[in-house]
Amino acid sequence: GMVTGCSGTDSSSVSPVSASGTDASDSATESTGDENMGEEIEFLVLDDSVRFMGRVRHDKNLHYFNWGGSGFEFTFTGTKVEARLFASGDLSLNGCPYVGVFVDGRESETDMTLIALNNTLKYYTLAEKLPYGEHTVKVVRLTEAKCGQSALAGIKITGEGEPAPTQAKDRKIEFIGDSITCGFGVNAEKANSPFTTKEENPLITYAGLAAQAFGAEFNMISVSGWAVHHSKFEDASTLPSIYNDIDGIHYPGEEWDFSLFQPELVVVHLGNNDVDYLRQHTDELAAFEQSYADFLKTIRSKYANAYILVCYGIMGDGYVDNIRNAVTLSGLDNVSFLQMKNATEIRCEHPGPRSHKENSEVLTAEIERILGWGKTGA
């Protein structure tokens, strides 16, 4: 697919106040070219014009989709479609947030258009020169939440009618994890490449591939470097501390409405960032087990009927016995432990695509066994 660069020609930052206004340059114009047929029509995004995926924060006409794997999907009739988007935050550190655009049900990375978002609120072309007719467009954020925010403010179609939300899929999975689940460095060239946002992609992780295999919707609450009990990194927190929030990184205390997404399955892969801390603090092993067990109970309190699968082992399995103990200690039904395969292919000091694919097969086999789900197309 094509790639749009991070740096915008207009580097001015946008304030949410101006976001609801319409720029003069954005007014509807009659298309004269043959390639994009129909009239250009612009829409502010209201809750019912697209279907949002993941934990999304709605602020008047701005819709923040900050989690990796989150985004929006809609259908439209015409030949071209654009979305009014921007990113906020300091994008200089690891790069700007990226979104992947998928048209008409395609899911493979080779069919994806990669777009880099910058600090200017503007229209980005999602798809163009399509055969005139109805099309489905899915926009997925590939960058994890701590690397800048991303927001949707409008849709412009060249065609007729208006954008409409797609139907949600029946199967739903929630993934809770760290850098492994985020797809940190998965597309890096070398084992020791430095991290850039352009090389992160949760869709080709063990998690994203498993969801795709079953044709499932997924929500992903995942932060690189973060822990269950206490991270080895000074600037990192714990997943339990923000689990109740829409986006506890940027808006701590703004509560997520758990009724909006009730998964049949919750997959947790946490513990790798606790390990080095626990090596220094062996007296906290019992506290680690309790923190993990308490988190499992919190998850159960949100999803009475979900199966909870606790996975571990993609980046070594230090303290795996303590994680197994935590599962037992939780005293919950419909919770079990799954041993994953240690990554043999390393990119950016994290699992590479092949190791993620191997682990997606371990996970899908276990899901088939426990829930009896069949794979789509199988």
Protein backbone atom coordinates (compact mmCIF):
# COMPACT_ATOMS: atom_id res chain seq x y z
CA GLY A 1 0.00 0.00 0.00
CA MET A 2 0.96 3.64 -0.17
CA VAL A 3 2.56 5.51 2.70
CA THR A 4 1.98 9.09 3.76
CA GLY A 5 4.72 10.78 5.78
CA CYS A 6 4.57 12.21 9.32
CA SER A 7 5.51 15.79 8.71
CA GLY A 8 2.67 17.97 7.49
CA THR A 9 3.20 21.09 5.40
CA ASP A 10 1.22 23.00 8.00
CA SER A 11 2.79 22.25 11.36
CA SER A 12 0.37 24.34 13.42
CA SER A 13 -1.29 22.39 16.19
CA VAL A 14 -5.04 22.26 16.32
CA SER A 15 -7.22 23.07 19.30
CA PRO A 16 -10.42 21.08 19.79
CA VAL A 17 -12.38 24.36 19.73
CA SER A 18 -11.69 24.92 16.03
CA ALA A 19 -12.25 21.28 15.18
CA SER A 20 -15.99 21.59 14.64
CA GLY A 21 -15.67 24.40 12.12
CA THR A 22 -15.41 23.78 8.39
CA ASP A 23 -12.45 25.13 6.44
CA ALA A 24 -13.30 27.05 3.29
CA SER A 25 -11.14 24.67 1.27
CA ASP A 26 -13.24 21.74 2.44
CA SER A 27 -16.52 22.94 0.92
CA ALA A 28 -18.26 20.58 -1.47
CA THR A 29 -17.16 20.90 -5.07
CA GLU A 30 -18.38 19.19 -8.22
CA SER A 31 -15.87 16.60 -9.37
CA THR A 32 -14.75 17.13 -12.97
CA GLY A 33 -12.41 14.16 -13.32
CA ASP A 34 -13.59 10.80 -14.62
CA GLU A 35 -11.78 8.80 -11.95
CA ASN A 36 -13.73 9.93 -8.90
CA MET A 37 -17.37 10.08 -9.94
CA GLY A 38 -20.07 11.93 -8.09
CA GLU A 39 -20.35 14.95 -5.87
CA GLU A 40 -18.08 15.63 -2.90
CA ILE A 41 -20.19 15.57 0.26
CA GLU A 42 -18.87 16.30 3.72
CA PHE A 43 -20.13 14.95 7.05
CA LEU A 44 -19.33 15.69 10.64
CA VAL A 45 -18.98 12.34 12.34
CA LEU A 46 -21.96 11.68 14.56
CA ASP A 47 -22.23 8.52 16.62
CA ASP A 48 -24.35 6.79 14.03
CA SER A 49 -22.40 7.46 10.82
CA VAL A 50 -19.54 5.07 11.54
CA ARG A 51 -19.07 2.05 13.78
CA PHE A 52 -16.35 2.63 16.33
CA MET A 53 -14.06 -0.23 17.39
CA GLY A 54 -12.20 -0.35 20.68
CA ARG A 55 -12.36 2.07 23.59
CA VAL A 56 -13.11 5.41 21.95
CA ARG A 57 -13.41 8.76 23.72
CA HIS A 58 -16.12 11.04 22.30
CA ASP A 59 -15.56 14.78 22.81
CA LYS A 60 -18.21 16.76 20.89
CA ASN A 61 -17.20 16.33 17.23
CA LEU A 62 -13.85 14.72 18.00
CA HIS A 63 -13.61 10.98 18.47
CA TYR A 64 -10.32 9.82 19.98
CA PHE A 65 -9.26 6.29 19.08
CA ASN A 66 -5.95 5.96 20.90
CA TRP A 67 -5.54 2.25 21.53
CA GLY A 68 -3.72 -0.01 19.10
CA GLY A 69 -6.33 -2.02 17.19
CA SER A 70 -9.05 0.59 17.74
CA GLY A 71 -10.66 2.62 14.96
CA PHE A 72 -13.82 2.89 12.88
CA GLU A 73 -15.60 1.22 9.99
CA PHE A 74 -18.34 2.38 7.62
CA THR A 75 -19.87 1.88 4.21
CA PHE A 76 -20.36 4.54 1.54
CA THR A 77 -21.45 4.75 -2.08
CA GLY A 78 -19.04 6.37 -4.52
CA THR A 79 -15.45 6.26 -5.76
CA LYS A 80 -13.42 8.16 -3.17
CA VAL A 81 -13.51 8.75 0.57
CA GLU A 82 -11.51 10.95 2.92
CA ALA A 83 -11.40 11.27 6.70
CA ARG A 84 -10.65 14.38 8.71
CA LEU A 85 -8.06 13.27 11.24
CA PHE A 86 -5.25 14.56 13.42
CA ALA A 87 -2.78 13.39 16.01
CA SER A 88 -1.94 15.23 19.22
CA GLY A 89 1.00 14.97 21.57
CA ASP A 90 4.75 15.09 21.06
CA LEU A 91 5.30 12.98 17.95
CA SER A 92 9.05 13.59 17.74
CA LEU A 93 10.16 10.85 20.13
CA ASN A 94 9.34 7.56 18.39
CA GLY A 95 7.35 8.89 15.44
CA CYS A 96 3.73 9.76 14.82
CA PRO A 97 0.73 7.45 15.16
CA TYR A 98 -0.08 5.32 12.12
CA VAL A 99 -3.40 3.98 10.90
CA GLY A 100 -3.99 1.19 8.43
CA VAL A 101 -6.86 1.44 5.93
CA PHE A 102 -8.60 -1.68 4.64
CA VAL A 103 -11.13 -1.54 1.81
CA ASP A 104 -13.95 -3.99 1.05
CA GLY A 105 -13.13 -6.64 3.63
CA ARG A 106 -9.46 -7.09 2.81
CA GLU A 107 -7.39 -7.94 5.87
CA SER A 108 -3.84 -8.67 4.80
CA GLU A 109 -1.00 -6.27 5.49
CA THR A 110 -0.10 -6.16 1.79
CA ASP A 111 -3.57 -4.76 0.96
CA MET A 112 -3.37 -2.08 3.64
CA THR A 113 -2.81 1.62 3.01
CA LEU A 114 -0.55 3.01 5.75
CA ILE A 115 -1.17 6.62 6.80
CA ALA A 116 0.95 8.67 9.21
CA LEU A 117 -1.02 11.24 11.19
CA ASN A 118 0.44 14.62 12.13
CA ASN A 119 -0.63 17.50 14.35
CA THR A 120 -2.72 19.22 11.67
CA LEU A 121 -6.45 18.54 11.48
CA LYS A 122 -6.98 17.83 7.79
CA TYR A 123 -8.50 15.45 5.28
CA TYR A 124 -6.55 12.29 4.49
CA THR A 125 -7.53 10.19 1.48
CA LEU A 126 -8.55 6.73 2.70
CA ALA A 127 -9.37 5.28 -0.73
CA GLU A 128 -9.84 6.63 -4.24
CA LYS A 129 -10.38 5.56 -7.87
CA LEU A 130 -12.67 2.78 -6.69
CA PRO A 131 -15.31 1.39 -9.05
CA TYR A 132 -18.51 3.37 -8.47
CA GLY A 133 -20.72 1.58 -5.96
CA GLU A 134 -20.96 0.61 -2.31
CA HIS A 135 -17.69 0.09 -0.45
CA THR A 136 -16.65 -0.75 3.10
CA VAL A 137 -13.75 1.10 4.69
CA LYS A 138 -12.04 0.10 7.94
CA VAL A 139 -9.47 2.36 9.63
CA VAL A 140 -7.39 0.77 12.39
CA ARG A 141 -4.83 2.46 14.59
CA LEU A 142 -1.60 0.44 14.54
CA THR A 143 0.31 2.49 17.11
CA GLU A 144 -0.07 1.94 20.84
CA ALA A 145 -1.80 4.52 22.99
CA LYS A 146 1.22 6.09 24.64
CA CYS A 147 2.64 7.33 21.31
CA GLY A 148 0.33 10.32 20.74
CA GLN A 149 -3.44 10.49 20.40
CA SER A 150 -5.50 10.21 17.20
CA ALA A 151 -8.94 11.62 16.51
CA LEU A 152 -11.61 11.52 13.81
CA ALA A 153 -13.60 14.69 13.06
CA GLY A 154 -15.26 14.19 9.69
CA ILE A 155 -15.83 12.07 6.59
CA LYS A 156 -15.94 13.33 3.01
CA ILE A 157 -17.24 11.10 0.24
CA THR A 158 -17.17 11.55 -3.50
CA GLY A 159 -20.40 9.83 -4.45
CA GLU A 160 -23.92 9.89 -3.07
CA GLY A 161 -25.79 9.31 0.16
CA GLU A 162 -24.01 9.29 3.48
CA PRO A 163 -21.62 7.06 5.40
CA ALA A 164 -23.30 4.29 7.42
CA PRO A 165 -21.98 2.05 10.20
CA THR A 166 -21.20 -1.59 9.50
CA GLN A 167 -22.59 -4.48 11.55
CA ALA A 168 -20.46 -5.66 14.45
CA LYS A 169 -19.25 -9.25 14.28
CA ASP A 170 -20.75 -11.77 16.68
CA ARG A 171 -17.55 -13.02 18.27
CA LYS A 172 -15.69 -10.69 20.57
CA ILE A 173 -12.29 -10.97 22.28
CA GLU A 174 -10.50 -8.62 24.64
CA PHE A 175 -6.70 -8.70 24.77
CA ILE A 176 -4.81 -7.31 27.75
CA GLY A 177 -1.05 -7.11 27.45
CA ASP A 178 2.22 -5.26 27.07
CA SER A 179 4.66 -4.59 24.21
CA ILE A 180 4.26 -8.16 22.89
CA THR A 181 0.51 -7.65 22.38
CA CYS A 182 1.06 -4.13 20.95
CA GLY A 183 3.22 -5.61 18.20
CA PHE A 184 6.17 -3.50 19.33
CA GLY A 185 8.91 -3.62 16.67
CA VAL A 186 7.27 -6.52 14.84
CA ASN A 187 8.11 -5.02 11.44
CA ALA A 188 11.63 -3.88 12.35
CA GLU A 189 14.48 -5.03 10.10
CA LYS A 190 16.89 -6.31 12.72
CA ALA A 191 16.93 -7.93 16.15
CA ASN A 192 18.40 -4.76 17.68
CA SER A 193 16.69 -2.07 15.56
CA PRO A 194 15.59 1.01 17.54
CA PHE A 195 11.84 1.38 18.02
CA THR A 196 9.78 3.49 15.62
CA THR A 197 5.99 3.70 15.52
CA LYS A 198 6.04 2.80 11.81
CA GLU A 199 7.18 -0.74 12.72
CA GLU A 200 4.47 -1.48 15.31
CA ASN A 201 1.37 -3.43 14.26
CA PRO A 202 -1.00 -5.31 16.61
CA LEU A 203 -2.85 -6.92 13.69
CA ILE A 204 0.03 -9.29 12.93
CA THR A 205 0.67 -10.30 16.53
CA TYR A 206 -0.40 -13.59 18.15
CA ALA A 207 -3.50 -11.62 19.26
CA GLY A 208 -4.51 -9.89 16.03
CA LEU A 209 -3.97 -13.04 13.97
CA ALA A 210 -6.03 -15.17 16.37
CA ALA A 211 -8.93 -12.68 16.21
CA GLN A 212 -8.72 -12.69 12.42
CA ALA A 213 -8.72 -16.50 12.30
CA PHE A 214 -12.09 -16.57 14.06
CA GLY A 215 -13.54 -13.48 12.37
CA ALA A 216 -13.77 -11.84 15.80
CA GLU A 217 -13.99 -8.22 16.87
CA PHE A 218 -11.37 -7.31 19.45
CA ASN A 219 -10.59 -4.64 22.00
CA MET A 220 -6.96 -4.27 23.03
CA ILE A 221 -5.79 -2.72 26.30
CA SER A 222 -2.05 -2.99 25.98
CA VAL A 223 0.92 -0.79 26.92
CA SER A 224 4.61 -1.42 26.30
CA GLY A 225 6.69 -1.66 29.47
CA TRP A 226 3.70 -1.92 31.79
CA ALA A 227 3.17 -4.61 34.40
CA VAL A 228 0.66 -6.44 36.58
CA HIS A 229 2.24 -5.67 39.95
CA HIS A 230 5.30 -3.45 39.45
CA SER A 231 7.29 -2.70 36.30
CA LYS A 232 11.05 -2.76 36.01
CA PHE A 233 10.74 0.58 34.17
CA GLU A 234 10.54 3.71 36.33
CA ASP A 235 8.14 5.55 34.01
CA ALA A 236 5.77 2.58 33.60
CA SER A 237 2.62 1.77 35.54
CA THR A 238 0.33 -1.27 35.73
CA LEU A 239 -2.52 -2.40 33.48
CA PRO A 240 -4.88 -2.90 36.47
CA SER A 241 -4.44 0.79 37.40
CA ILE A 242 -6.03 2.00 34.14
CA TYR A 243 -8.29 -0.93 33.26
CA ASN A 244 -11.50 0.90 34.26
CA ASP A 245 -10.70 3.95 32.12
CA ILE A 246 -11.47 4.71 28.48
CA ASP A 247 -7.86 5.81 28.10
CA GLY A 248 -6.10 6.01 31.46
CA ILE A 249 -2.88 7.18 29.85
CA HIS A 250 -4.29 10.48 28.61
CA TYR A 251 -7.55 10.78 30.59
CA PRO A 252 -7.12 9.04 33.94
CA GLY A 253 -10.41 8.60 35.77
CA GLU A 254 -12.69 8.92 32.71
CA GLU A 255 -14.53 5.64 33.10
CA TRP A 256 -15.15 3.16 30.30
CA ASP A 257 -18.68 1.79 29.94
CA PHE A 258 -18.10 -1.97 29.98
CA SER A 259 -21.60 -2.66 28.61
CA LEU A 260 -20.41 -1.34 25.22
CA PHE A 261 -18.20 -4.38 24.64
CA GLN A 262 -18.92 -7.74 26.28
CA PRO A 263 -16.40 -10.31 25.02
CA GLU A 264 -16.88 -14.07 25.17
CA LEU A 265 -13.13 -14.42 25.69
CA VAL A 266 -10.48 -12.37 27.48
CA VAL A 267 -6.84 -13.16 26.71
CA VAL A 268 -4.19 -11.82 29.11
CA HIS A 269 -0.44 -11.92 28.40
CA LEU A 270 1.30 -10.01 31.19
CA GLY A 271 4.24 -10.50 33.52
CA ASN A 272 7.30 -9.88 31.37
CA ASN A 273 7.80 -6.37 32.75
CA ASP A 274 7.34 -7.59 36.33
CA VAL A 275 10.11 -10.17 36.00
CA ASP A 276 13.19 -7.97 36.40
CA TYR A 277 11.54 -6.12 39.28
CA LEU A 278 10.73 -9.43 41.01
CA ARG A 279 14.33 -10.59 40.64
CA GLN A 280 15.35 -7.58 42.73
CA HIS A 281 12.39 -7.94 45.13
CA THR A 282 11.93 -11.67 45.77
CA ASP A 283 10.01 -10.81 48.93
CA GLU A 284 7.18 -9.53 46.69
CA LEU A 285 6.41 -12.79 44.89
CA ALA A 286 3.30 -13.41 47.00
CA ALA A 287 2.22 -9.80 46.38
CA PHE A 288 2.71 -10.32 42.64
CA GLU A 289 0.50 -13.41 42.71
CA GLN A 290 -2.14 -11.52 44.68
CA SER A 291 -2.03 -8.53 42.30
CA TYR A 292 -2.50 -10.86 39.32
CA ALA A 293 -5.31 -12.82 41.02
CA ASP A 294 -7.05 -9.57 41.99
CA PHE A 295 -6.82 -8.35 38.40
CA LEU A 296 -8.43 -11.57 37.16
CA LYS A 297 -11.25 -10.99 39.66
CA THR A 298 -11.66 -7.42 38.36
CA ILE A 299 -11.96 -8.74 34.80
CA ARG A 300 -14.55 -11.29 35.94
CA SER A 301 -16.53 -8.52 37.67
CA LYS A 302 -16.86 -6.75 34.30
CA TYR A 303 -17.61 -9.86 32.24
CA ALA A 304 -19.67 -12.42 34.14
CA ASN A 305 -19.74 -14.89 31.26
CA ALA A 306 -16.37 -14.50 29.56
CA TYR A 307 -13.75 -17.22 29.51
CA ILE A 308 -10.41 -15.84 30.74
CA LEU A 309 -7.26 -17.28 29.21
CA VAL A 310 -4.00 -16.35 30.95
CA CYS A 311 -1.10 -16.76 28.51
CA TYR A 312 2.63 -16.48 29.11
CA GLY A 313 5.92 -17.51 27.58
CA ILE A 314 6.38 -15.60 24.31
CA MET A 315 9.42 -13.76 25.71
CA GLY A 316 10.69 -16.31 28.22
CA ASP A 317 8.75 -17.78 31.10
CA GLY A 318 10.51 -16.54 34.22
CA TYR A 319 8.22 -16.80 37.25
CA VAL A 320 5.70 -18.82 35.24
CA ASP A 321 4.87 -20.87 38.37
CA ASN A 322 3.81 -17.69 40.13
CA ILE A 323 1.48 -16.82 37.25
CA ARG A 324 -0.01 -20.32 37.40
CA ASN A 325 -0.42 -19.83 41.17
CA ALA A 326 -2.26 -16.55 40.53
CA VAL A 327 -4.78 -18.33 38.30
CA THR A 328 -5.46 -20.84 41.10
CA LEU A 329 -5.46 -18.12 43.75
CA SER A 330 -8.18 -16.18 41.89
CA GLY A 331 -10.58 -19.05 42.67
CA LEU A 332 -12.52 -18.26 39.51
CA ASP A 333 -14.33 -20.64 37.19
CA ASN A 334 -13.70 -20.49 33.45
CA VAL A 335 -10.11 -19.34 33.81
CA SER A 336 -7.08 -21.31 32.68
CA PHE A 337 -3.40 -20.98 31.88
CA LEU A 338 -1.84 -21.43 28.43
CA GLN A 339 1.91 -21.86 27.90
CA MET A 340 3.07 -20.01 24.79
CA LYS A 341 6.17 -20.64 22.62
CA ASN A 342 9.34 -18.72 23.36
CA ALA A 343 10.12 -16.42 20.41
CA THR A 344 12.99 -17.60 18.22
CA GLU A 345 12.75 -14.76 15.70
CA ILE A 346 13.60 -11.39 17.28
CA ARG A 347 12.92 -7.92 15.87
CA CYS A 348 13.64 -4.74 17.86
CA GLU A 349 14.32 -6.98 20.90
CA HIS A 350 10.77 -8.36 20.62
CA PRO A 351 9.07 -11.25 18.80
CA GLY A 352 9.15 -11.05 14.99
CA PRO A 353 6.27 -11.90 12.63
CA ARG A 354 7.06 -15.60 12.42
CA SER A 355 7.10 -16.03 16.20
CA HIS A 356 3.80 -14.19 16.45
CA LYS A 357 2.30 -16.44 13.79
CA GLU A 358 3.49 -19.56 15.66
CA ASN A 359 1.93 -18.28 18.86
CA SER A 360 -1.32 -17.35 17.15
CA GLU A 361 -1.58 -21.02 16.18
CA VAL A 362 -1.00 -22.10 19.79
CA LEU A 363 -3.71 -19.67 20.90
CA THR A 364 -6.27 -20.53 18.20
CA ALA A 365 -5.90 -24.27 18.91
CA GLU A 366 -6.63 -23.62 22.60
CA ILE A 367 -9.62 -21.40 21.78
CA GLU A 368 -11.03 -24.12 19.50
CA ARG A 369 -10.54 -26.65 22.29
CA ILE A 370 -12.08 -24.55 25.08
CA LEU A 371 -14.84 -22.60 23.30
CA GLY A 372 -15.43 -24.86 20.29
CA TRP A 373 -15.12 -21.92 17.91
CA GLY A 374 -14.48 -22.82 14.27
CA LYS A 375 -12.20 -20.71 12.15
CA THR A 376 -13.76 -18.59 9.41
CA GLY A 377 -13.47 -20.18 6.00
CA ALA A 378 -12.48 -23.50 7.60
